[in-house]
Amino acid sequence: MKAIFMLLGLVASLGGLVCWVILLIDAFKSAVWKGFVGLLCGLYLLYFAFTEFNHEKKWLIIGGCFGGVILGSIFQVLAR
């Protein structure tokens, strides 16, 4: 059972990472300073995602970014 939770945690965390990279790339395309601030401060990337991020699947990417990290953390804790 531990291996299943570990695998689910890894998949969810990887999905969150991919969505985070999509947000970060868009922040760097918008302005270089926004990309660096988003890289250093997660709260600014959250602000950027809700206010300036324009994508056809905006809410899916935002949900994947934050939901993936939360689900990954939960599954990692359950794997102990």
PDB file of N, CA and C in Angstrom:
ATOM      1  N   MET A   1       0.817  -1.189   0.000  1.00  0.00           N
ATOM      2  CA  MET A   1       0.000   0.000   0.000  1.00  0.00           C
ATOM      3  C   MET A   1       0.873   1.270   0.000  1.00  0.00           C
ATOM      4  N   LYS A   2       2.005   1.157   0.685  1.00  0.00           N
ATOM      5  CA  LYS A   2       2.902   2.311   0.730  1.00  0.00           C
ATOM      6  C   LYS A   2       3.416   2.673  -0.654  1.00  0.00           C
ATOM      7  N   ALA A   3       3.695   1.657  -1.450  1.00  0.00           N
ATOM      8  CA  ALA A   3       4.237   1.902  -2.789  1.00  0.00           C
ATOM      9  C   ALA A   3       3.208   2.601  -3.677  1.00  0.00           C
ATOM     10  N   ILE A   4       1.942   2.255  -3.511  1.00  0.00           N
ATOM     11  CA  ILE A   4       0.892   2.897  -4.308  1.00  0.00           C
ATOM     12  C   ILE A   4       0.766   4.367  -3.939  1.00  0.00           C
ATOM     13  N   PHE A   5       0.756   4.655  -2.637  1.00  0.00           N
ATOM     14  CA  PHE A   5       0.670   6.050  -2.208  1.00  0.00           C
ATOM     15  C   PHE A   5       1.907   6.844  -2.634  1.00  0.00           C
ATOM     16  N   MET A   6       3.060   6.203  -2.576  1.00  0.00           N
ATOM     17  CA  MET A   6       4.290   6.872  -3.009  1.00  0.00           C
ATOM     18  C   MET A   6       4.234   7.193  -4.499  1.00  0.00           C
ATOM     19  N   LEU A   7       3.750   6.254  -5.291  1.00  0.00           N
ATOM     20  CA  LEU A   7       3.638   6.466  -6.726  1.00  0.00           C
ATOM     21  C   LEU A   7       2.607   7.548  -7.051  1.00  0.00           C
ATOM     22  N   LEU A   8       1.469   7.524  -6.372  1.00  0.00           N
ATOM     23  CA  LEU A   8       0.454   8.561  -6.576  1.00  0.00           C
ATOM     24  C   LEU A   8       0.982   9.941  -6.175  1.00  0.00           C
ATOM     25  N   GLY A   9       1.733   9.989  -5.083  1.00  0.00           N
ATOM     26  CA  GLY A   9       2.333  11.249  -4.660  1.00  0.00           C
ATOM     27  C   GLY A   9       3.335  11.774  -5.660  1.00  0.00           C
ATOM     28  N   LEU A  10       4.110  10.871  -6.231  1.00  0.00           N
ATOM     29  CA  LEU A  10       5.091  11.269  -7.239  1.00  0.00           C
ATOM     30  C   LEU A  10       4.418  11.796  -8.499  1.00  0.00           C
ATOM     31  N   VAL A  11       3.367  11.119  -8.951  1.00  0.00           N
ATOM     32  CA  VAL A  11       2.648  11.546 -10.153  1.00  0.00           C
ATOM     33  C   VAL A  11       1.974  12.902  -9.928  1.00  0.00           C
ATOM     34  N   ALA A  12       1.340  13.071  -8.769  1.00  0.00           N
ATOM     35  CA  ALA A  12       0.669  14.342  -8.478  1.00  0.00           C
ATOM     36  C   ALA A  12       1.679  15.484  -8.361  1.00  0.00           C
ATOM     37  N   SER A  13       2.792  15.227  -7.709  1.00  0.00           N
ATOM     38  CA  SER A  13       3.823  16.263  -7.576  1.00  0.00           C
ATOM     39  C   SER A  13       4.436  16.619  -8.926  1.00  0.00           C
ATOM     40  N   LEU A  14       4.630  15.634  -9.762  1.00  0.00           N
ATOM     41  CA  LEU A  14       5.172  15.885 -11.092  1.00  0.00           C
ATOM     42  C   LEU A  14       4.205  16.706 -11.935  1.00  0.00           C
ATOM     43  N   GLY A  15       2.914  16.420 -11.825  1.00  0.00           N
ATOM     44  CA  GLY A  15       1.905  17.216 -12.524  1.00  0.00           C
ATOM     45  C   GLY A  15       1.888  18.652 -12.039  1.00  0.00           C
ATOM     46  N   GLY A  16       2.017  18.835 -10.723  1.00  0.00           N
ATOM     47  CA  GLY A  16       2.089  20.186 -10.173  1.00  0.00           C
ATOM     48  C   GLY A  16       3.328  20.929 -10.644  1.00  0.00           C
ATOM     49  N   LEU A  17       4.440  20.214 -10.751  1.00  0.00           N
ATOM     50  CA  LEU A  17       5.678  20.826 -11.230  1.00  0.00           C
ATOM     51  C   LEU A  17       5.551  21.272 -12.677  1.00  0.00           C
ATOM     52  N   VAL A  18       4.931  20.450 -13.509  1.00  0.00           N
ATOM     53  CA  VAL A  18       4.756  20.804 -14.920  1.00  0.00           C
ATOM     54  C   VAL A  18       3.893  22.058 -15.050  1.00  0.00           C
ATOM     55  N   CYS A  19       2.815  22.117 -14.286  1.00  0.00           N
ATOM     56  CA  CYS A  19       1.948  23.308 -14.333  1.00  0.00           C
ATOM     57  C   CYS A  19       2.668  24.542 -13.795  1.00  0.00           C
ATOM     58  N   TRP A  20       3.506  24.365 -12.776  1.00  0.00           N
ATOM     59  CA  TRP A  20       4.276  25.481 -12.219  1.00  0.00           C
ATOM     60  C   TRP A  20       5.265  26.013 -13.255  1.00  0.00           C
ATOM     61  N   VAL A  21       5.884  25.120 -14.012  1.00  0.00           N
ATOM     62  CA  VAL A  21       6.826  25.535 -15.052  1.00  0.00           C
ATOM     63  C   VAL A  21       6.087  26.297 -16.157  1.00  0.00           C
ATOM     64  N   ILE A  22       4.876  25.874 -16.495  1.00  0.00           N
ATOM     65  CA  ILE A  22       4.085  26.596 -17.496  1.00  0.00           C
ATOM     66  C   ILE A  22       3.814  28.024 -17.020  1.00  0.00           C
ATOM     67  N   LEU A  23       3.437  28.173 -15.753  1.00  0.00           N
ATOM     68  CA  LEU A  23       3.213  29.515 -15.199  1.00  0.00           C
ATOM     69  C   LEU A  23       4.497  30.336 -15.202  1.00  0.00           C
ATOM     70  N   LEU A  24       5.596  29.716 -14.829  1.00  0.00           N
ATOM     71  CA  LEU A  24       6.871  30.427 -14.759  1.00  0.00           C
ATOM     72  C   LEU A  24       7.345  30.861 -16.142  1.00  0.00           C
ATOM     73  N   ILE A  25       7.167  30.034 -17.146  1.00  0.00           N
ATOM     74  CA  ILE A  25       7.548  30.408 -18.506  1.00  0.00           C
ATOM     75  C   ILE A  25       6.725  31.594 -18.982  1.00  0.00           C
ATOM     76  N   ASP A  26       5.434  31.587 -18.680  1.00  0.00           N
ATOM     77  CA  ASP A  26       4.589  32.714 -19.072  1.00  0.00           C
ATOM     78  C   ASP A  26       4.990  33.993 -18.329  1.00  0.00           C
ATOM     79  N   ALA A  27       5.399  33.860 -17.071  1.00  0.00           N
ATOM     80  CA  ALA A  27       5.859  35.032 -16.321  1.00  0.00           C
ATOM     81  C   ALA A  27       7.133  35.600 -16.931  1.00  0.00           C
ATOM     82  N   PHE A  28       8.061  34.747 -17.352  1.00  0.00           N
ATOM     83  CA  PHE A  28       9.280  35.221 -18.003  1.00  0.00           C
ATOM     84  C   PHE A  28       8.982  35.847 -19.359  1.00  0.00           C
ATOM     85  N   LYS A  29       7.978  35.328 -20.077  1.00  0.00           N
ATOM     86  CA  LYS A  29       7.610  35.920 -21.363  1.00  0.00           C
ATOM     87  C   LYS A  29       6.993  37.296 -21.174  1.00  0.00           C
ATOM     88  N   SER A  30       6.281  37.479 -20.077  1.00  0.00           N
ATOM     89  CA  SER A  30       5.646  38.762 -19.801  1.00  0.00           C
ATOM     90  C   SER A  30       6.708  39.825 -19.501  1.00  0.00           C
ATOM     91  N   ALA A  31       7.587  39.528 -18.580  1.00  0.00           N
ATOM     92  CA  ALA A  31       8.705  40.411 -18.227  1.00  0.00           C
ATOM     93  C   ALA A  31       9.723  39.576 -17.453  1.00  0.00           C
ATOM     94  N   VAL A  32      10.983  39.857 -17.678  1.00  0.00           N
ATOM     95  CA  VAL A  32      12.031  39.064 -17.036  1.00  0.00           C
ATOM     96  C   VAL A  32      11.978  39.220 -15.518  1.00  0.00           C
ATOM     97  N   TRP A  33      11.713  40.422 -15.036  1.00  0.00           N
ATOM     98  CA  TRP A  33      11.672  40.617 -13.586  1.00  0.00           C
ATOM     99  C   TRP A  33      10.515  39.848 -12.964  1.00  0.00           C
ATOM    100  N   LYS A  34       9.402  39.698 -13.685  1.00  0.00           N
ATOM    101  CA  LYS A  34       8.271  38.927 -13.153  1.00  0.00           C
ATOM    102  C   LYS A  34       8.641  37.457 -13.044  1.00  0.00           C
ATOM    103  N   GLY A  35       9.417  36.980 -13.992  1.00  0.00           N
ATOM    104  CA  GLY A  35       9.872  35.598 -13.941  1.00  0.00           C
ATOM    105  C   GLY A  35      10.795  35.339 -12.769  1.00  0.00           C
ATOM    106  N   PHE A  36      11.737  36.256 -12.539  1.00  0.00           N
ATOM    107  CA  PHE A  36      12.657  36.082 -11.413  1.00  0.00           C
ATOM    108  C   PHE A  36      11.942  36.196 -10.071  1.00  0.00           C
ATOM    109  N   VAL A  37      11.020  37.136  -9.965  1.00  0.00           N
ATOM    110  CA  VAL A  37      10.273  37.274  -8.716  1.00  0.00           C
ATOM    111  C   VAL A  37       9.386  36.050  -8.502  1.00  0.00           C
ATOM    112  N   GLY A  38       8.783  35.543  -9.571  1.00  0.00           N
ATOM    113  CA  GLY A  38       7.974  34.338  -9.469  1.00  0.00           C
ATOM    114  C   GLY A  38       8.794  33.118  -9.101  1.00  0.00           C
ATOM    115  N   LEU A  39      10.034  33.082  -9.563  1.00  0.00           N
ATOM    116  CA  LEU A  39      10.926  31.989  -9.225  1.00  0.00           C
ATOM    117  C   LEU A  39      11.335  32.032  -7.756  1.00  0.00           C
ATOM    118  N   LEU A  40      11.534  33.230  -7.237  1.00  0.00           N
ATOM    119  CA  LEU A  40      11.991  33.375  -5.861  1.00  0.00           C
ATOM    120  C   LEU A  40      10.859  33.427  -4.840  1.00  0.00           C
ATOM    121  N   CYS A  41       9.702  33.892  -5.260  1.00  0.00           N
ATOM    122  CA  CYS A  41       8.592  34.076  -4.321  1.00  0.00           C
ATOM    123  C   CYS A  41       7.328  33.432  -4.900  1.00  0.00           C
ATOM    124  N   GLY A  42       6.903  32.359  -4.280  1.00  0.00           N
ATOM    125  CA  GLY A  42       5.730  31.637  -4.759  1.00  0.00           C
ATOM    126  C   GLY A  42       4.448  32.442  -4.657  1.00  0.00           C
ATOM    127  N   LEU A  43       4.381  33.353  -3.693  1.00  0.00           N
ATOM    128  CA  LEU A  43       3.174  34.170  -3.549  1.00  0.00           C
ATOM    129  C   LEU A  43       2.981  35.099  -4.740  1.00  0.00           C
ATOM    130  N   TYR A  44       4.083  35.607  -5.288  1.00  0.00           N
ATOM    131  CA  TYR A  44       3.933  36.449  -6.475  1.00  0.00           C
ATOM    132  C   TYR A  44       3.464  35.625  -7.665  1.00  0.00           C
ATOM    133  N   LEU A  45       3.940  34.399  -7.786  1.00  0.00           N
ATOM    134  CA  LEU A  45       3.495  33.549  -8.888  1.00  0.00           C
ATOM    135  C   LEU A  45       2.008  33.230  -8.751  1.00  0.00           C
ATOM    136  N   LEU A  46       1.543  33.097  -7.526  1.00  0.00           N
ATOM    137  CA  LEU A  46       0.106  32.915  -7.290  1.00  0.00           C
ATOM    138  C   LEU A  46      -0.666  34.154  -7.732  1.00  0.00           C
ATOM    139  N   TYR A  47      -0.168  35.334  -7.378  1.00  0.00           N
ATOM    140  CA  TYR A  47      -0.789  36.584  -7.811  1.00  0.00           C
ATOM    141  C   TYR A  47      -0.773  36.691  -9.336  1.00  0.00           C
ATOM    142  N   PHE A  48       0.361  36.376  -9.940  1.00  0.00           N
ATOM    143  CA  PHE A  48       0.490  36.434 -11.393  1.00  0.00           C
ATOM    144  C   PHE A  48      -0.492  35.473 -12.062  1.00  0.00           C
ATOM    145  N   ALA A  49      -0.640  34.279 -11.494  1.00  0.00           N
ATOM    146  CA  ALA A  49      -1.522  33.276 -12.086  1.00  0.00           C
ATOM    147  C   ALA A  49      -2.965  33.763 -12.122  1.00  0.00           C
ATOM    148  N   PHE A  50      -3.410  34.420 -11.076  1.00  0.00           N
ATOM    149  CA  PHE A  50      -4.804  34.850 -11.019  1.00  0.00           C
ATOM    150  C   PHE A  50      -5.061  36.153 -11.778  1.00  0.00           C
ATOM    151  N   THR A  51      -4.082  37.024 -11.866  1.00  0.00           N
ATOM    152  CA  THR A  51      -4.339  38.337 -12.461  1.00  0.00           C
ATOM    153  C   THR A  51      -3.839  38.493 -13.893  1.00  0.00           C
ATOM    154  N   GLU A  52      -2.665  37.983 -14.217  1.00  0.00           N
ATOM    155  CA  GLU A  52      -2.060  38.282 -15.513  1.00  0.00           C
ATOM    156  C   GLU A  52      -1.917  37.085 -16.439  1.00  0.00           C
ATOM    157  N   PHE A  53      -2.101  35.898 -15.951  1.00  0.00           N
ATOM    158  CA  PHE A  53      -1.915  34.695 -16.754  1.00  0.00           C
ATOM    159  C   PHE A  53      -3.113  34.524 -17.683  1.00  0.00           C
ATOM    160  N   ASN A  54      -2.859  34.554 -18.981  1.00  0.00           N
ATOM    161  CA  ASN A  54      -3.912  34.380 -19.977  1.00  0.00           C
ATOM    162  C   ASN A  54      -3.599  33.149 -20.810  1.00  0.00           C
ATOM    163  N   HIS A  55      -4.434  32.163 -20.668  1.00  0.00           N
ATOM    164  CA  HIS A  55      -4.263  30.909 -21.382  1.00  0.00           C
ATOM    165  C   HIS A  55      -5.647  30.312 -21.573  1.00  0.00           C
ATOM    166  N   GLU A  56      -5.822  29.528 -22.610  1.00  0.00           N
ATOM    167  CA  GLU A  56      -7.145  28.953 -22.858  1.00  0.00           C
ATOM    168  C   GLU A  56      -7.544  27.951 -21.778  1.00  0.00           C
ATOM    169  N   LYS A  57      -6.566  27.356 -21.115  1.00  0.00           N
ATOM    170  CA  LYS A  57      -6.838  26.415 -20.027  1.00  0.00           C
ATOM    171  C   LYS A  57      -6.290  26.950 -18.708  1.00  0.00           C
ATOM    172  N   LYS A  58      -6.534  28.217 -18.451  1.00  0.00           N
ATOM    173  CA  LYS A  58      -5.990  28.903 -17.287  1.00  0.00           C
ATOM    174  C   LYS A  58      -6.334  28.193 -15.983  1.00  0.00           C
ATOM    175  N   TRP A  59      -7.592  27.886 -15.773  1.00  0.00           N
ATOM    176  CA  TRP A  59      -8.016  27.332 -14.488  1.00  0.00           C
ATOM    177  C   TRP A  59      -7.560  25.885 -14.319  1.00  0.00           C
ATOM    178  N   LEU A  60      -7.418  25.170 -15.398  1.00  0.00           N
ATOM    179  CA  LEU A  60      -6.897  23.813 -15.315  1.00  0.00           C
ATOM    180  C   LEU A  60      -5.424  23.826 -14.909  1.00  0.00           C
ATOM    181  N   ILE A  61      -4.671  24.778 -15.443  1.00  0.00           N
ATOM    182  CA  ILE A  61      -3.251  24.883 -15.108  1.00  0.00           C
ATOM    183  C   ILE A  61      -3.071  25.355 -13.668  1.00  0.00           C
ATOM    184  N   ILE A  62      -3.844  26.342 -13.251  1.00  0.00           N
ATOM    185  CA  ILE A  62      -3.744  26.820 -11.867  1.00  0.00           C
ATOM    186  C   ILE A  62      -4.146  25.721 -10.888  1.00  0.00           C
ATOM    187  N   GLY A  63      -5.234  25.032 -11.196  1.00  0.00           N
ATOM    188  CA  GLY A  63      -5.658  23.930 -10.332  1.00  0.00           C
ATOM    189  C   GLY A  63      -4.655  22.799 -10.301  1.00  0.00           C
ATOM    190  N   GLY A  64      -4.048  22.514 -11.445  1.00  0.00           N
ATOM    191  CA  GLY A  64      -3.029  21.472 -11.494  1.00  0.00           C
ATOM    192  C   GLY A  64      -1.787  21.842 -10.717  1.00  0.00           C
ATOM    193  N   CYS A  65      -1.433  23.109 -10.763  1.00  0.00           N
ATOM    194  CA  CYS A  65      -0.240  23.572 -10.054  1.00  0.00           C
ATOM    195  C   CYS A  65      -0.404  23.438  -8.545  1.00  0.00           C
ATOM    196  N   PHE A  66      -1.451  23.976  -8.024  1.00  0.00           N
ATOM    197  CA  PHE A  66      -1.620  23.985  -6.573  1.00  0.00           C
ATOM    198  C   PHE A  66      -2.251  22.691  -6.061  1.00  0.00           C
ATOM    199  N   GLY A  67      -3.162  22.116  -6.828  1.00  0.00           N
ATOM    200  CA  GLY A  67      -3.756  20.852  -6.425  1.00  0.00           C
ATOM    201  C   GLY A  67      -2.766  19.701  -6.481  1.00  0.00           C
ATOM    202  N   GLY A  68      -1.894  19.725  -7.471  1.00  0.00           N
ATOM    203  CA  GLY A  68      -0.883  18.677  -7.582  1.00  0.00           C
ATOM    204  C   GLY A  68       0.077  18.679  -6.410  1.00  0.00           C
ATOM    205  N   VAL A  69       0.471  19.863  -5.979  1.00  0.00           N
ATOM    206  CA  VAL A  69       1.383  19.963  -4.839  1.00  0.00           C
ATOM    207  C   VAL A  69       0.688  19.497  -3.559  1.00  0.00           C
ATOM    208  N   ILE A  70      -0.557  19.900  -3.382  1.00  0.00           N
ATOM    209  CA  ILE A  70      -1.292  19.514  -2.173  1.00  0.00           C
ATOM    210  C   ILE A  70      -1.556  18.013  -2.156  1.00  0.00           C
ATOM    211  N   LEU A  71      -2.046  17.460  -3.272  1.00  0.00           N
ATOM    212  CA  LEU A  71      -2.290  16.026  -3.331  1.00  0.00           C
ATOM    213  C   LEU A  71      -1.003  15.221  -3.203  1.00  0.00           C
ATOM    214  N   GLY A  72       0.048  15.701  -3.823  1.00  0.00           N
ATOM    215  CA  GLY A  72       1.340  15.018  -3.706  1.00  0.00           C
ATOM    216  C   GLY A  72       1.816  14.963  -2.273  1.00  0.00           C
ATOM    217  N   SER A  73       1.644  16.051  -1.547  1.00  0.00           N
ATOM    218  CA  SER A  73       2.041  16.084  -0.139  1.00  0.00           C
ATOM    219  C   SER A  73       1.198  15.133   0.696  1.00  0.00           C
ATOM    220  N   ILE A  74      -0.096  15.103   0.439  1.00  0.00           N
ATOM    221  CA  ILE A  74      -0.977  14.211   1.192  1.00  0.00           C
ATOM    222  C   ILE A  74      -0.612  12.750   0.940  1.00  0.00           C
ATOM    223  N   PHE A  75      -0.392  12.395  -0.317  1.00  0.00           N
ATOM    224  CA  PHE A  75      -0.040  11.014  -0.631  1.00  0.00           C
ATOM    225  C   PHE A  75       1.322  10.638  -0.061  1.00  0.00           C
ATOM    226  N   GLN A  76       2.261  11.566  -0.028  1.00  0.00           N
ATOM    227  CA  GLN A  76       3.567  11.285   0.540  1.00  0.00           C
ATOM    228  C   GLN A  76       3.459  11.022   2.043  1.00  0.00           C
ATOM    229  N   VAL A  77       2.601  11.768   2.716  1.00  0.00           N
ATOM    230  CA  VAL A  77       2.401  11.551   4.153  1.00  0.00           C
ATOM    231  C   VAL A  77       1.724  10.206   4.388  1.00  0.00           C
ATOM    232  N   LEU A  78       0.747   9.850   3.552  1.00  0.00           N
ATOM    233  CA  LEU A  78       0.072   8.562   3.695  1.00  0.00           C
ATOM    234  C   LEU A  78       0.993   7.385   3.400  1.00  0.00           C
ATOM    235  N   ALA A  79       2.055   7.612   2.649  1.00  0.00           N
ATOM    236  CA  ALA A  79       2.993   6.545   2.305  1.00  0.00           C
ATOM    237  C   ALA A  79       3.923   6.191   3.449  1.00  0.00           C
ATOM    238  N   ARG A  80       3.944   6.949   4.501  1.00  0.00           N
ATOM    239  CA  ARG A  80       4.850   6.660   5.625  1.00  0.00           C
ATOM    240  C   ARG A  80       4.390   5.521   6.463  1.00  0.00           C
TER     241      ARG A  80
END
